[in-house]
Amino acid sequence: MKSVGERQNELEGKHPVWTPKALHQALASAADRWPDRDFIVADTSSFSYSEMHSWSSRIATGLVDVGIKPGDHVALLMANYPEFVAAKFAISRVGATAVPINFLNRRDELAYVLAQSEARCLIAMDRFRDLNYLEMLDQIVPGWVSGGGGEVLPYLKTIFVLPVSGEPLPAGVQSFEALSDASGSTPELTVDPRSPSDIIYTSGTTGGPKGVLLTHDMLLRTAYGSAYARAMEDGQRILFALPMYHVYGYVEGLLAALTVGGAAVIKLLFDPAAALDSIGLQHVDDILLIPTMTLALLDELEAGDYDVSNLKTMLSSGGKAPPELWDRIFQKFGQIEVTTGYGMSEATASSTVTRPDDPIDKLRFTNGRLRDVGVAGDPQNQGKLVTYRVVDTETEDELPPGEVGELRMKGAGVTRGYYKKPEETATAFDDEGWFRTGDLGVVDPEGYIILKGRTKESYRCGGELVLPLEVEQVLITHSEVSDVHVVAIPDKRMGEVGVACVVAEHLPSVDESELIEFCRQRLARFKVPRHVVFIKPEELPTTATGRPRKFLLVEPVLKKLGLTEKGEKQ
């Protein structure tokens, strides 16, 4: 393999000047350059660049036929099917904004996003695993088949359904296939690359989920930065099961592959054995993982016999990694290039990453360096898309390298704010326009970030952001729960898991399993707490004014559960 510098030079030779584009324009350019190359490779089908371009153009015609106009919002409730990709570029082509929805959402979560985003059209699967979205829609807006969102969701006019369950659609339901079969001319619109391409919902520290506004140019610059910082080769084939409603799979996988004329090898679900098989069968040379997936992959590789000689690179990021993880990767995969990083939806995706040729200690002890993005960078921002400063949250003073404070970010890769959330948007930025990440960390003299903790209560379970308030608001509706506080504890597999601390003077008649099942029926799987513990009011740490100090609950909770500070059994 060529050196990192040589590969970066080759990439810049093909992109000597940054030209802002909309997403569908980027696909059209790729289809002109690499028409017959694989772009999307799924388990049972694959699509070349020209095929995906043609398909998305037909869908765009269908969207126009049902009245979708520039500036409208189109919601996508879909797993990693090729149809997701085709619809994504079609939405761009008509000048609309995509609202990709977490398909693990339950009924009330789905209803909230559809309402808050003011989605005019919804493209949804009929089912996925144990989730029946048609039943959810029946409960949210009875009569949706003929009446759209009705009075409950007045913006929602049209719903299309992709039947993935194998069951026939109910009478009157519009199939996704009808969009592809639209006849007529494909719209030729001028779409401003600085206009919103996506509204991606993420949990915050207060209130309900917030819709992060991301523009076409932000997404494509960040995707180029991903390819440049990781020194991707021409035609790189990237395998991932990370959902494309999230910026990790969407930007670091799908759009980064597009940047280098590569293939996105997409999986509906993460199965370590299937992933290892695909490395050989589908000629995969790159894989995107979160630490929980990486651990499962390593365990499977130790247990079975797989040919992984094709694999050249790996990005393992998006959660806490046990220190021994990196040694295990090199022991099992050999001298592949391994990187890790740090980012968030509000920064479009990863904004820091280790270099592919960094020593292993950078993987063990840092969360990557300020990402070099080549020609996609902002000359007015040190050639970066995102820069960080460390701030003392008490004094608001900027701290020197090596001191711990809140990480704040600024740059062309940082969102302008949240959709229809003016108060939350204003709170998210300080007086100098720096975004408050809520993460505590250090930036060393070389520009590497070391995360130290959080100023906020949210946590990541299996790479997904969890807002404790959402879980608490569900539990408080149970007749036996009057006060509850959710905290995160370390977990080797998931990074962090939630523990619901139910405060009661006397032990309630309900047990742990009943409360967990209560949550499971109402919340996405990753939000369901792993444990429930019961504590007395005097065991709840509080401030002088009586406010709970939840971070002080972690140590006693670990003791109650018989776990060490690493979340392991004592």
Protein backbone atom coordinates (compact mmCIF):
# COMPACT_ATOMS: atom_id res chain seq x y z
CA MET A 1 0.00 0.00 0.00
CA LYS A 2 1.22 3.50 -0.82
CA SER A 3 2.11 5.86 2.01
CA VAL A 4 -0.53 8.08 3.62
CA GLY A 5 0.98 11.18 2.00
CA GLU A 6 1.07 9.60 -1.46
CA ARG A 7 -2.58 8.58 -1.24
CA GLN A 8 -3.61 12.02 -0.02
CA ASN A 9 -1.74 13.64 -2.90
CA GLU A 10 -3.49 11.36 -5.39
CA LEU A 11 -6.88 12.28 -3.92
CA GLU A 12 -6.12 15.99 -4.14
CA GLY A 13 -4.91 15.52 -7.70
CA LYS A 14 -8.43 14.39 -8.60
CA HIS A 15 -10.03 17.21 -6.59
CA PRO A 16 -7.63 20.16 -7.00
CA VAL A 17 -10.28 22.80 -6.25
CA TRP A 18 -13.34 22.54 -4.03
CA THR A 19 -16.57 23.10 -5.96
CA PRO A 20 -19.71 23.26 -3.79
CA LYS A 21 -22.44 20.90 -5.01
CA ALA A 22 -25.77 19.50 -3.93
CA LEU A 23 -25.86 15.78 -3.12
CA HIS A 24 -27.54 14.75 -6.36
CA GLN A 25 -24.99 16.75 -8.34
CA ALA A 26 -22.20 14.83 -6.63
CA LEU A 27 -23.87 11.56 -7.62
CA ALA A 28 -24.32 12.76 -11.21
CA SER A 29 -20.62 13.67 -11.41
CA ALA A 30 -19.63 10.26 -10.04
CA ALA A 31 -21.95 8.52 -12.51
CA ASP A 32 -20.25 10.38 -15.36
CA ARG A 33 -16.78 9.46 -14.10
CA TRP A 34 -17.39 5.87 -12.95
CA PRO A 35 -20.69 4.73 -14.55
CA ASP A 36 -20.10 0.98 -14.26
CA ARG A 37 -18.42 0.82 -10.88
CA ASP A 38 -20.33 -0.63 -7.93
CA PHE A 39 -21.76 2.09 -5.71
CA ILE A 40 -24.20 0.21 -3.47
CA VAL A 41 -23.61 -3.44 -2.62
CA ALA A 42 -26.31 -5.11 -0.53
CA ASP A 43 -26.68 -8.76 0.43
CA THR A 44 -28.91 -9.68 -2.53
CA SER A 45 -28.38 -6.85 -5.01
CA SER A 46 -25.92 -4.24 -6.19
CA PHE A 47 -26.18 -0.98 -8.09
CA SER A 48 -23.64 0.85 -10.20
CA TYR A 49 -23.24 4.60 -10.09
CA SER A 50 -25.21 5.04 -13.31
CA GLU A 51 -27.98 2.71 -12.11
CA MET A 52 -28.35 4.57 -8.82
CA HIS A 53 -28.35 7.93 -10.61
CA SER A 54 -31.08 6.77 -13.00
CA TRP A 55 -33.17 5.24 -10.20
CA SER A 56 -33.00 8.32 -8.00
CA SER A 57 -33.97 10.50 -10.99
CA ARG A 58 -37.15 8.45 -11.52
CA ILE A 59 -38.03 8.72 -7.85
CA ALA A 60 -37.51 12.49 -8.04
CA THR A 61 -40.10 12.60 -10.82
CA GLY A 62 -42.49 10.63 -8.62
CA LEU A 63 -41.98 13.06 -5.73
CA VAL A 64 -42.76 16.02 -7.97
CA ASP A 65 -45.87 14.23 -9.25
CA VAL A 66 -47.27 14.02 -5.71
CA GLY A 67 -46.60 17.69 -5.06
CA ILE A 68 -43.21 17.78 -3.33
CA LYS A 69 -41.65 21.19 -3.88
CA PRO A 70 -38.29 22.79 -3.06
CA GLY A 71 -38.02 23.38 0.66
CA ASP A 72 -40.46 20.61 1.63
CA HIS A 73 -39.42 17.99 4.16
CA VAL A 74 -39.49 14.28 3.26
CA ALA A 75 -39.11 11.81 6.12
CA LEU A 76 -37.31 8.49 5.60
CA LEU A 77 -38.11 5.67 8.01
CA MET A 78 -35.93 3.03 6.47
CA ALA A 79 -33.07 0.70 7.34
CA ASN A 80 -29.97 0.24 5.17
CA TYR A 81 -31.79 -0.78 2.00
CA PRO A 82 -30.67 0.44 -1.45
CA GLU A 83 -34.05 2.21 -1.59
CA PHE A 84 -32.87 4.50 1.21
CA VAL A 85 -29.95 5.64 -0.93
CA ALA A 86 -32.07 6.14 -4.06
CA ALA A 87 -34.67 8.14 -2.14
CA LYS A 88 -31.96 10.23 -0.46
CA PHE A 89 -30.54 11.51 -3.73
CA ALA A 90 -34.04 11.93 -5.19
CA ILE A 91 -35.03 14.21 -2.33
CA SER A 92 -31.96 16.32 -3.06
CA ARG A 93 -32.82 16.50 -6.76
CA VAL A 94 -36.22 18.09 -6.10
CA GLY A 95 -34.71 20.63 -3.71
CA ALA A 96 -36.40 19.11 -0.66
CA THR A 97 -34.86 18.32 2.72
CA ALA A 98 -34.55 14.74 4.00
CA VAL A 99 -35.57 13.82 7.54
CA PRO A 100 -33.98 10.40 8.21
CA ILE A 101 -35.69 8.84 11.24
CA ASN A 102 -34.25 6.34 13.68
CA PHE A 103 -36.13 3.17 12.75
CA LEU A 104 -35.84 1.87 16.31
CA ASN A 105 -38.25 4.58 17.42
CA ARG A 106 -41.51 3.56 19.00
CA ARG A 107 -44.90 5.11 18.25
CA ASP A 108 -44.70 8.28 20.34
CA GLU A 109 -41.09 8.94 19.29
CA LEU A 110 -42.08 8.59 15.63
CA ALA A 111 -45.07 10.88 16.09
CA TYR A 112 -42.88 13.55 17.69
CA VAL A 113 -40.33 13.62 14.86
CA LEU A 114 -43.00 13.66 12.13
CA ALA A 115 -44.77 16.55 13.84
CA GLN A 116 -41.73 18.60 14.85
CA SER A 117 -40.04 18.26 11.45
CA GLU A 118 -43.24 19.25 9.62
CA ALA A 119 -42.66 16.40 7.20
CA ARG A 120 -44.87 16.66 4.10
CA CYS A 121 -44.10 13.16 2.84
CA LEU A 122 -43.10 9.95 4.61
CA ILE A 123 -41.36 6.99 3.00
CA ALA A 124 -41.42 4.09 5.44
CA MET A 125 -40.86 0.36 5.73
CA ASP A 126 -43.89 -1.69 6.67
CA ARG A 127 -41.99 -3.57 9.39
CA PHE A 128 -38.53 -4.09 10.77
CA ARG A 129 -37.83 -6.91 13.20
CA ASP A 130 -40.48 -6.55 15.94
CA LEU A 131 -41.57 -3.05 14.92
CA ASN A 132 -44.75 -2.66 12.87
CA TYR A 133 -44.79 0.85 11.44
CA LEU A 134 -48.19 0.49 9.79
CA GLU A 135 -49.71 -0.25 13.19
CA MET A 136 -47.90 2.76 14.63
CA LEU A 137 -49.34 4.97 11.90
CA ASP A 138 -52.81 3.52 12.54
CA GLN A 139 -52.49 4.59 16.17
CA ILE A 140 -50.94 8.00 15.46
CA VAL A 141 -53.24 9.06 12.62
CA PRO A 142 -56.19 6.71 12.05
CA GLY A 143 -57.25 6.93 8.42
CA TRP A 144 -53.79 7.84 7.15
CA VAL A 145 -54.15 5.60 4.10
CA SER A 146 -56.64 8.00 2.52
CA GLY A 147 -56.26 11.11 4.64
CA GLY A 148 -52.53 11.50 5.26
CA GLY A 149 -51.70 13.08 8.60
CA GLY A 150 -55.14 14.59 9.10
CA GLU A 151 -55.52 17.01 11.98
CA VAL A 152 -52.86 15.27 14.06
CA LEU A 153 -50.07 15.79 11.50
CA PRO A 154 -51.45 18.53 9.26
CA TYR A 155 -48.26 18.91 7.21
CA LEU A 156 -48.12 15.22 6.28
CA LYS A 157 -49.91 14.74 2.96
CA THR A 158 -48.44 11.61 1.38
CA ILE A 159 -47.12 8.29 2.70
CA PHE A 160 -45.32 5.63 0.67
CA VAL A 161 -44.48 2.21 2.07
CA LEU A 162 -41.63 -0.13 1.19
CA PRO A 163 -42.90 -3.69 1.86
CA VAL A 164 -39.92 -5.55 3.33
CA SER A 165 -41.83 -8.04 5.49
CA GLY A 166 -43.02 -10.17 2.59
CA GLU A 167 -46.65 -9.45 3.48
CA PRO A 168 -49.00 -7.69 1.01
CA LEU A 169 -49.71 -4.06 1.74
CA PRO A 170 -53.21 -3.15 2.94
CA ALA A 171 -55.63 -1.92 0.29
CA GLY A 172 -55.07 1.67 -0.71
CA VAL A 173 -51.52 1.97 0.64
CA GLN A 174 -49.13 3.58 -1.85
CA SER A 175 -46.10 1.40 -2.49
CA PHE A 176 -42.60 2.83 -2.76
CA GLU A 177 -42.39 1.14 -6.15
CA ALA A 178 -44.93 3.65 -7.47
CA LEU A 179 -42.38 6.42 -7.01
CA SER A 180 -39.84 4.58 -9.18
CA ASP A 181 -42.44 3.94 -11.88
CA ALA A 182 -43.25 7.62 -12.33
CA SER A 183 -43.22 8.77 -15.95
CA GLY A 184 -42.39 12.18 -17.29
CA SER A 185 -39.33 14.37 -17.28
CA THR A 186 -36.98 14.41 -14.31
CA PRO A 187 -36.94 17.86 -12.69
CA GLU A 188 -33.92 20.03 -13.39
CA LEU A 189 -33.75 22.44 -10.47
CA THR A 190 -31.02 24.68 -9.19
CA VAL A 191 -30.36 23.60 -5.60
CA ASP A 192 -28.19 25.82 -3.43
CA PRO A 193 -25.39 23.69 -1.86
CA ARG A 194 -25.69 25.90 1.23
CA SER A 195 -29.35 24.95 1.72
CA PRO A 196 -30.39 22.23 4.21
CA SER A 197 -29.99 18.73 2.86
CA ASP A 198 -30.89 16.91 6.07
CA ILE A 199 -32.52 17.37 9.43
CA ILE A 200 -31.00 14.66 11.60
CA TYR A 201 -32.57 14.14 15.01
CA THR A 202 -30.40 13.69 18.04
CA SER A 203 -31.14 13.69 21.75
CA GLY A 204 -29.92 16.73 23.63
CA THR A 205 -29.47 17.62 27.27
CA THR A 206 -32.90 19.24 27.65
CA GLY A 207 -36.29 18.83 26.03
CA GLY A 208 -37.15 16.38 23.27
CA PRO A 209 -34.98 15.29 20.34
CA LYS A 210 -33.60 18.16 18.28
CA GLY A 211 -33.32 18.32 14.50
CA VAL A 212 -29.75 19.18 13.51
CA LEU A 213 -29.63 21.23 10.30
CA LEU A 214 -26.96 20.04 7.86
CA THR A 215 -26.37 21.50 4.40
CA HIS A 216 -25.33 19.75 1.19
CA ASP A 217 -21.94 21.44 1.22
CA MET A 218 -21.28 20.57 4.89
CA LEU A 219 -21.97 16.91 4.22
CA LEU A 220 -19.86 16.67 1.08
CA ARG A 221 -16.94 18.61 2.58
CA THR A 222 -16.98 16.38 5.65
CA ALA A 223 -17.17 13.23 3.50
CA TYR A 224 -14.18 14.43 1.48
CA GLY A 225 -12.41 15.17 4.78
CA SER A 226 -13.10 11.62 5.90
CA ALA A 227 -11.57 10.23 2.71
CA TYR A 228 -8.60 12.60 2.92
CA ALA A 229 -7.77 12.17 6.61
CA ARG A 230 -7.94 8.38 6.32
CA ALA A 231 -6.06 8.47 2.97
CA MET A 232 -8.65 6.40 1.11
CA GLU A 233 -7.68 4.73 -2.11
CA ASP A 234 -9.49 5.05 -5.41
CA GLY A 235 -12.45 2.64 -5.45
CA GLN A 236 -12.31 1.82 -1.72
CA ARG A 237 -15.03 -0.64 -0.68
CA ILE A 238 -16.44 0.27 2.74
CA LEU A 239 -18.53 -2.19 4.74
CA PHE A 240 -20.84 -0.93 7.48
CA ALA A 241 -24.00 -1.90 9.34
CA LEU A 242 -24.23 1.52 10.95
CA PRO A 243 -27.63 2.97 10.05
CA MET A 244 -27.66 5.71 7.46
CA TYR A 245 -30.09 7.82 9.49
CA HIS A 246 -26.99 8.56 11.59
CA VAL A 247 -24.07 10.67 10.38
CA TYR A 248 -21.52 7.91 10.99
CA GLY A 249 -22.81 5.47 8.38
CA TYR A 250 -24.21 8.21 6.17
CA VAL A 251 -21.16 10.48 5.91
CA GLU A 252 -18.17 8.28 6.80
CA GLY A 253 -19.59 5.36 4.81
CA LEU A 254 -21.98 6.26 1.98
CA LEU A 255 -20.72 9.74 1.07
CA ALA A 256 -17.05 8.97 1.67
CA ALA A 257 -17.35 6.03 -0.76
CA LEU A 258 -18.96 8.39 -3.28
CA THR A 259 -15.99 10.74 -2.93
CA VAL A 260 -13.46 8.13 -4.12
CA GLY A 261 -15.63 6.23 -6.58
CA GLY A 262 -15.85 3.39 -4.10
CA ALA A 263 -18.60 1.03 -2.98
CA ALA A 264 -20.74 1.20 0.12
CA VAL A 265 -21.24 -2.42 1.23
CA ILE A 266 -24.34 -1.98 3.38
CA LYS A 267 -25.77 -4.35 5.98
CA LEU A 268 -29.23 -4.22 7.53
CA LEU A 269 -28.00 -5.52 10.86
CA PHE A 270 -24.61 -6.11 12.36
CA ASP A 271 -23.77 -9.79 12.41
CA PRO A 272 -20.06 -10.43 13.08
CA ALA A 273 -19.95 -13.71 11.16
CA ALA A 274 -21.71 -12.20 8.14
CA ALA A 275 -19.41 -9.16 8.25
CA LEU A 276 -16.31 -11.36 8.30
CA ASP A 277 -17.66 -13.46 5.43
CA SER A 278 -18.32 -10.31 3.40
CA ILE A 279 -14.73 -9.15 3.70
CA GLY A 280 -13.74 -11.99 1.40
CA LEU A 281 -16.89 -12.51 -0.64
CA GLN A 282 -17.55 -8.85 -1.42
CA HIS A 283 -13.91 -7.77 -1.63
CA VAL A 284 -14.15 -5.40 1.32
CA ASP A 285 -11.03 -3.43 2.16
CA ASP A 286 -12.44 -1.03 4.79
CA ILE A 287 -14.90 -1.42 7.66
CA LEU A 288 -16.67 1.05 9.95
CA LEU A 289 -17.38 -0.03 13.52
CA ILE A 290 -18.20 1.19 16.98
CA PRO A 291 -16.26 -0.46 19.84
CA THR A 292 -19.09 -2.88 20.70
CA MET A 293 -19.07 -4.15 17.12
CA THR A 294 -15.28 -4.35 17.07
CA LEU A 295 -15.28 -6.53 20.18
CA ALA A 296 -17.92 -8.85 18.70
CA LEU A 297 -15.96 -9.08 15.45
CA LEU A 298 -12.79 -10.02 17.31
CA ASP A 299 -14.61 -12.65 19.37
CA GLU A 300 -16.05 -14.21 16.22
CA LEU A 301 -12.69 -14.15 14.48
CA GLU A 302 -11.15 -16.02 17.40
CA ALA A 303 -13.92 -18.62 17.32
CA GLY A 304 -14.09 -19.23 13.56
CA ASP A 305 -11.99 -19.54 10.43
CA TYR A 306 -12.31 -16.52 8.12
CA ASP A 307 -10.31 -15.06 5.26
CA VAL A 308 -9.83 -11.39 6.11
CA SER A 309 -6.75 -10.82 3.98
CA ASN A 310 -8.59 -8.23 1.83
CA LEU A 311 -9.10 -5.87 4.76
CA LYS A 312 -6.69 -2.94 4.73
CA THR A 313 -8.30 -0.31 6.96
CA MET A 314 -10.69 0.03 9.89
CA LEU A 315 -12.37 2.94 11.66
CA SER A 316 -13.51 2.04 15.19
CA SER A 317 -15.11 5.03 16.85
CA GLY A 318 -18.27 6.33 18.48
CA GLY A 319 -17.98 5.13 22.06
CA LYS A 320 -15.69 4.16 24.89
CA ALA A 321 -13.11 1.58 23.89
CA PRO A 322 -11.40 -0.74 26.37
CA PRO A 323 -7.61 -0.17 26.27
CA GLU A 324 -6.87 -3.72 25.15
CA LEU A 325 -9.06 -3.35 22.05
CA TRP A 326 -6.32 -1.96 19.82
CA ASP A 327 -3.80 -4.72 20.60
CA ARG A 328 -6.45 -7.34 19.84
CA ILE A 329 -7.22 -5.74 16.47
CA PHE A 330 -3.61 -5.93 15.33
CA GLN A 331 -3.19 -9.44 16.71
CA LYS A 332 -6.16 -10.72 14.68
CA PHE A 333 -6.08 -8.57 11.54
CA GLY A 334 -2.37 -7.99 11.18
CA GLN A 335 -0.87 -4.65 10.22
CA ILE A 336 -3.98 -2.98 8.86
CA GLU A 337 -4.49 0.76 9.25
CA VAL A 338 -6.71 1.50 12.24
CA THR A 339 -8.12 4.90 13.13
CA THR A 340 -10.44 6.33 15.77
CA GLY A 341 -11.99 9.73 16.25
CA TYR A 342 -14.55 11.98 17.88
CA GLY A 343 -17.55 13.78 16.51
CA MET A 344 -21.26 14.44 16.75
CA SER A 345 -24.21 15.18 14.49
CA GLU A 346 -23.77 18.89 15.13
CA ALA A 347 -20.26 18.65 13.62
CA THR A 348 -21.65 16.76 10.58
CA ALA A 349 -19.71 13.60 11.56
CA SER A 350 -16.22 12.96 12.95
CA SER A 351 -14.25 16.17 13.41
CA THR A 352 -11.12 14.53 14.77
CA VAL A 353 -9.38 11.31 13.72
CA THR A 354 -6.05 9.65 14.31
CA ARG A 355 -3.75 9.41 11.30
CA PRO A 356 -3.55 5.98 9.65
CA ASP A 357 0.19 5.90 10.35
CA ASP A 358 -0.02 7.06 13.98
CA PRO A 359 1.64 4.95 16.67
CA ILE A 360 -0.68 2.71 18.66
CA ASP A 361 -0.51 4.97 21.74
CA LYS A 362 -2.55 7.58 19.84
CA LEU A 363 -5.32 4.98 19.57
CA ARG A 364 -4.99 3.97 23.20
CA PHE A 365 -4.88 7.40 24.77
CA THR A 366 -6.47 9.97 22.42
CA ASN A 367 -9.64 10.52 20.42
CA GLY A 368 -7.88 11.73 17.31
CA ARG A 369 -6.46 15.01 16.09
CA LEU A 370 -8.17 17.96 14.44
CA ARG A 371 -9.01 16.45 11.10
CA ASP A 372 -7.10 17.53 8.00
CA VAL A 373 -9.55 17.89 5.14
CA GLY A 374 -7.37 19.05 2.24
CA VAL A 375 -9.05 21.28 -0.35
CA ALA A 376 -12.40 20.98 1.46
CA GLY A 377 -11.06 23.03 4.36
CA ASP A 378 -11.86 26.62 5.26
CA PRO A 379 -8.87 28.92 4.66
CA GLN A 380 -10.27 31.28 7.29
CA ASN A 381 -10.35 28.50 9.88
CA GLN A 382 -6.79 27.09 9.74
CA GLY A 383 -7.78 24.94 6.75
CA LYS A 384 -10.13 22.90 8.96
CA LEU A 385 -13.86 22.37 8.89
CA VAL A 386 -14.05 22.25 12.69
CA THR A 387 -11.67 23.68 15.27
CA TYR A 388 -11.87 23.35 19.03
CA ARG A 389 -11.06 25.43 22.05
CA VAL A 390 -11.16 24.34 25.69
CA VAL A 391 -13.09 26.63 28.05
CA ASP A 392 -13.42 26.92 31.80
CA THR A 393 -17.21 26.70 32.22
CA GLU A 394 -17.13 28.80 35.39
CA THR A 395 -15.09 31.75 34.08
CA GLU A 396 -15.65 31.26 30.32
CA ASP A 397 -11.90 31.75 29.89
CA GLU A 398 -10.08 29.79 27.18
CA LEU A 399 -7.66 27.31 28.71
CA PRO A 400 -4.13 26.52 27.46
CA PRO A 401 -3.21 23.16 25.89
CA GLY A 402 -3.22 20.32 28.38
CA GLU A 403 -5.86 21.73 30.75
CA VAL A 404 -9.30 20.14 31.13
CA GLY A 405 -12.41 22.10 30.25
CA GLU A 406 -15.45 22.03 28.01
CA LEU A 407 -14.74 21.42 24.33
CA ARG A 408 -16.30 24.09 22.14
CA MET A 409 -16.24 24.05 18.37
CA LYS A 410 -16.56 26.43 15.46
CA GLY A 411 -16.25 26.16 11.69
CA ALA A 412 -17.95 25.45 8.37
CA GLY A 413 -18.66 21.89 9.54
CA VAL A 414 -20.69 23.01 12.57
CA THR A 415 -24.48 23.18 12.31
CA ARG A 416 -26.22 26.52 12.23
CA GLY A 417 -28.68 25.20 14.80
CA TYR A 418 -31.77 23.10 15.38
CA TYR A 419 -34.93 23.11 13.31
CA LYS A 420 -37.62 25.28 14.93
CA LYS A 421 -35.79 25.25 18.28
CA PRO A 422 -34.68 28.87 18.71
CA GLU A 423 -34.11 28.67 22.45
CA GLU A 424 -32.08 25.47 22.22
CA THR A 425 -30.11 26.92 19.31
CA ALA A 426 -29.31 30.10 21.24
CA THR A 427 -28.25 28.10 24.30
CA ALA A 428 -26.02 25.82 22.23
CA PHE A 429 -23.67 28.68 21.25
CA ASP A 430 -21.66 30.94 23.52
CA ASP A 431 -21.32 34.70 23.10
CA GLU A 432 -18.44 34.30 20.64
CA GLY A 433 -20.28 31.82 18.43
CA TRP A 434 -18.59 28.64 19.68
CA PHE A 435 -20.82 25.57 19.96
CA ARG A 436 -20.97 24.05 23.43
CA THR A 437 -20.34 20.32 22.99
CA GLY A 438 -21.00 19.45 26.61
CA ASP A 439 -17.93 17.21 26.56
CA LEU A 440 -14.97 17.70 28.85
CA GLY A 441 -11.55 17.21 27.34
CA VAL A 442 -8.02 18.30 26.62
CA VAL A 443 -6.46 19.47 23.37
CA ASP A 444 -2.74 18.75 23.38
CA PRO A 445 -0.09 20.82 21.53
CA GLU A 446 -0.31 18.49 18.49
CA GLY A 447 -4.06 19.02 18.18
CA TYR A 448 -5.09 15.63 19.59
CA ILE A 449 -8.20 15.53 21.75
CA ILE A 450 -8.46 13.44 24.91
CA LEU A 451 -12.00 13.14 26.25
CA LYS A 452 -12.36 13.34 30.02
CA GLY A 453 -16.08 13.19 30.66
CA ARG A 454 -19.26 15.21 30.22
CA THR A 455 -20.82 18.37 31.52
CA LYS A 456 -24.16 16.98 30.36
CA GLU A 457 -26.05 13.86 31.40
CA SER A 458 -26.52 12.21 28.01
CA TYR A 459 -24.55 9.05 27.27
CA ARG A 460 -23.89 6.64 24.41
CA CYS A 461 -25.19 3.09 24.46
CA GLY A 462 -23.78 1.09 21.56
CA GLY A 463 -22.92 4.33 19.79
CA GLU A 464 -26.47 5.75 20.09
CA LEU A 465 -26.99 8.92 22.14
CA VAL A 466 -29.41 8.50 25.05
CA LEU A 467 -31.10 11.35 26.88
CA PRO A 468 -31.86 10.24 30.47
CA LEU A 469 -34.75 12.69 30.66
CA GLU A 470 -36.59 10.79 27.91
CA VAL A 471 -36.32 7.55 29.90
CA GLU A 472 -37.29 9.24 33.15
CA GLN A 473 -40.37 10.79 31.54
CA VAL A 474 -41.54 7.34 30.50
CA LEU A 475 -40.87 5.68 33.85
CA ILE A 476 -42.61 8.43 35.78
CA THR A 477 -45.88 7.50 34.05
CA HIS A 478 -45.80 4.11 35.81
CA SER A 479 -48.17 4.08 38.77
CA GLU A 480 -45.48 2.72 41.11
CA VAL A 481 -42.82 5.31 40.19
CA SER A 482 -42.94 8.86 41.55
CA ASP A 483 -39.26 9.81 41.35
CA VAL A 484 -36.55 8.32 39.15
CA HIS A 485 -33.09 9.29 37.95
CA VAL A 486 -31.26 7.55 35.09
CA VAL A 487 -27.46 7.41 35.12
CA ALA A 488 -24.92 5.70 32.89
CA ILE A 489 -22.42 3.07 33.98
CA PRO A 490 -19.55 1.58 31.95
CA ASP A 491 -20.18 -1.57 29.94
CA LYS A 492 -17.53 -3.50 28.05
CA ARG A 493 -19.80 -4.32 25.11
CA MET A 494 -22.04 -1.28 24.79
CA GLY A 495 -19.67 1.40 26.07
CA GLU A 496 -22.28 2.65 28.53
CA VAL A 497 -25.67 1.41 29.68
CA GLY A 498 -28.42 3.08 31.65
CA VAL A 499 -29.46 2.38 35.22
CA ALA A 500 -32.81 3.69 36.46
CA CYS A 501 -32.63 4.68 40.12
CA VAL A 502 -36.17 4.61 41.48
CA VAL A 503 -36.48 6.71 44.63
CA ALA A 504 -39.04 5.47 47.16
CA GLU A 505 -39.37 5.42 50.93
CA HIS A 506 -40.76 1.89 50.76
CA LEU A 507 -40.00 -0.82 48.23
CA PRO A 508 -42.60 -0.64 45.41
CA SER A 509 -44.67 -3.69 44.51
CA VAL A 510 -43.20 -3.62 40.99
CA ASP A 511 -39.87 -5.35 40.29
CA GLU A 512 -36.93 -4.58 38.04
CA SER A 513 -38.02 -6.78 35.13
CA GLU A 514 -41.49 -5.22 35.01
CA LEU A 515 -40.10 -1.69 34.79
CA ILE A 516 -37.60 -2.69 32.12
CA GLU A 517 -40.41 -4.27 30.08
CA PHE A 518 -42.49 -1.11 30.64
CA CYS A 519 -39.68 0.88 29.01
CA ARG A 520 -39.16 -1.69 26.26
CA GLN A 521 -42.74 -1.23 25.10
CA ARG A 522 -42.33 2.55 24.86
CA LEU A 523 -38.73 3.30 23.96
CA ALA A 524 -36.18 2.43 21.31
CA ARG A 525 -34.10 -0.55 22.39
CA PHE A 526 -30.91 1.42 23.09
CA LYS A 527 -32.78 3.73 25.48
CA VAL A 528 -34.11 0.91 27.67
CA PRO A 529 -32.14 0.82 30.95
CA ARG A 530 -30.07 -2.29 31.58
CA HIS A 531 -30.79 -2.22 35.32
CA VAL A 532 -33.27 -0.79 37.80
CA VAL A 533 -32.21 -0.15 41.39
CA PHE A 534 -34.35 1.08 44.26
CA ILE A 535 -32.97 3.72 46.59
CA LYS A 536 -34.35 5.61 49.58
CA PRO A 537 -34.73 9.41 49.43
CA GLU A 538 -31.80 9.90 51.81
CA GLU A 539 -29.56 7.95 49.37
CA LEU A 540 -30.08 10.52 46.60
CA PRO A 541 -27.18 13.01 46.52
CA THR A 542 -28.41 16.59 46.26
CA THR A 543 -27.07 20.13 46.18
CA ALA A 544 -27.64 22.60 49.00
CA THR A 545 -30.80 23.69 47.19
CA GLY A 546 -32.07 20.11 46.84
CA ARG A 547 -31.21 19.49 43.19
CA PRO A 548 -30.10 15.90 42.43
CA ARG A 549 -26.37 15.38 41.83
CA LYS A 550 -26.80 12.42 39.55
CA PHE A 551 -23.12 11.88 38.81
CA LEU A 552 -22.63 10.98 42.48
CA LEU A 553 -25.09 8.11 42.06
CA VAL A 554 -22.76 6.13 39.80
CA GLU A 555 -20.42 4.80 42.49
CA PRO A 556 -23.18 3.58 44.87
CA VAL A 557 -25.10 2.11 41.94
CA LEU A 558 -22.05 0.08 40.89
CA LYS A 559 -21.73 -1.21 44.46
CA LYS A 560 -25.41 -2.19 44.58
CA LEU A 561 -25.00 -4.09 41.32
CA GLY A 562 -21.75 -5.72 42.44
CA LEU A 563 -19.76 -4.15 39.61
CA THR A 564 -16.32 -2.58 39.43
CA GLU A 565 -15.73 0.96 38.15
CA LYS A 566 -15.24 -0.59 34.70
CA GLY A 567 -18.69 -2.16 34.85
CA GLU A 568 -17.36 -5.70 35.35
CA LYS A 569 -18.52 -8.23 37.94
CA GLN A 570 -16.52 -8.09 41.16
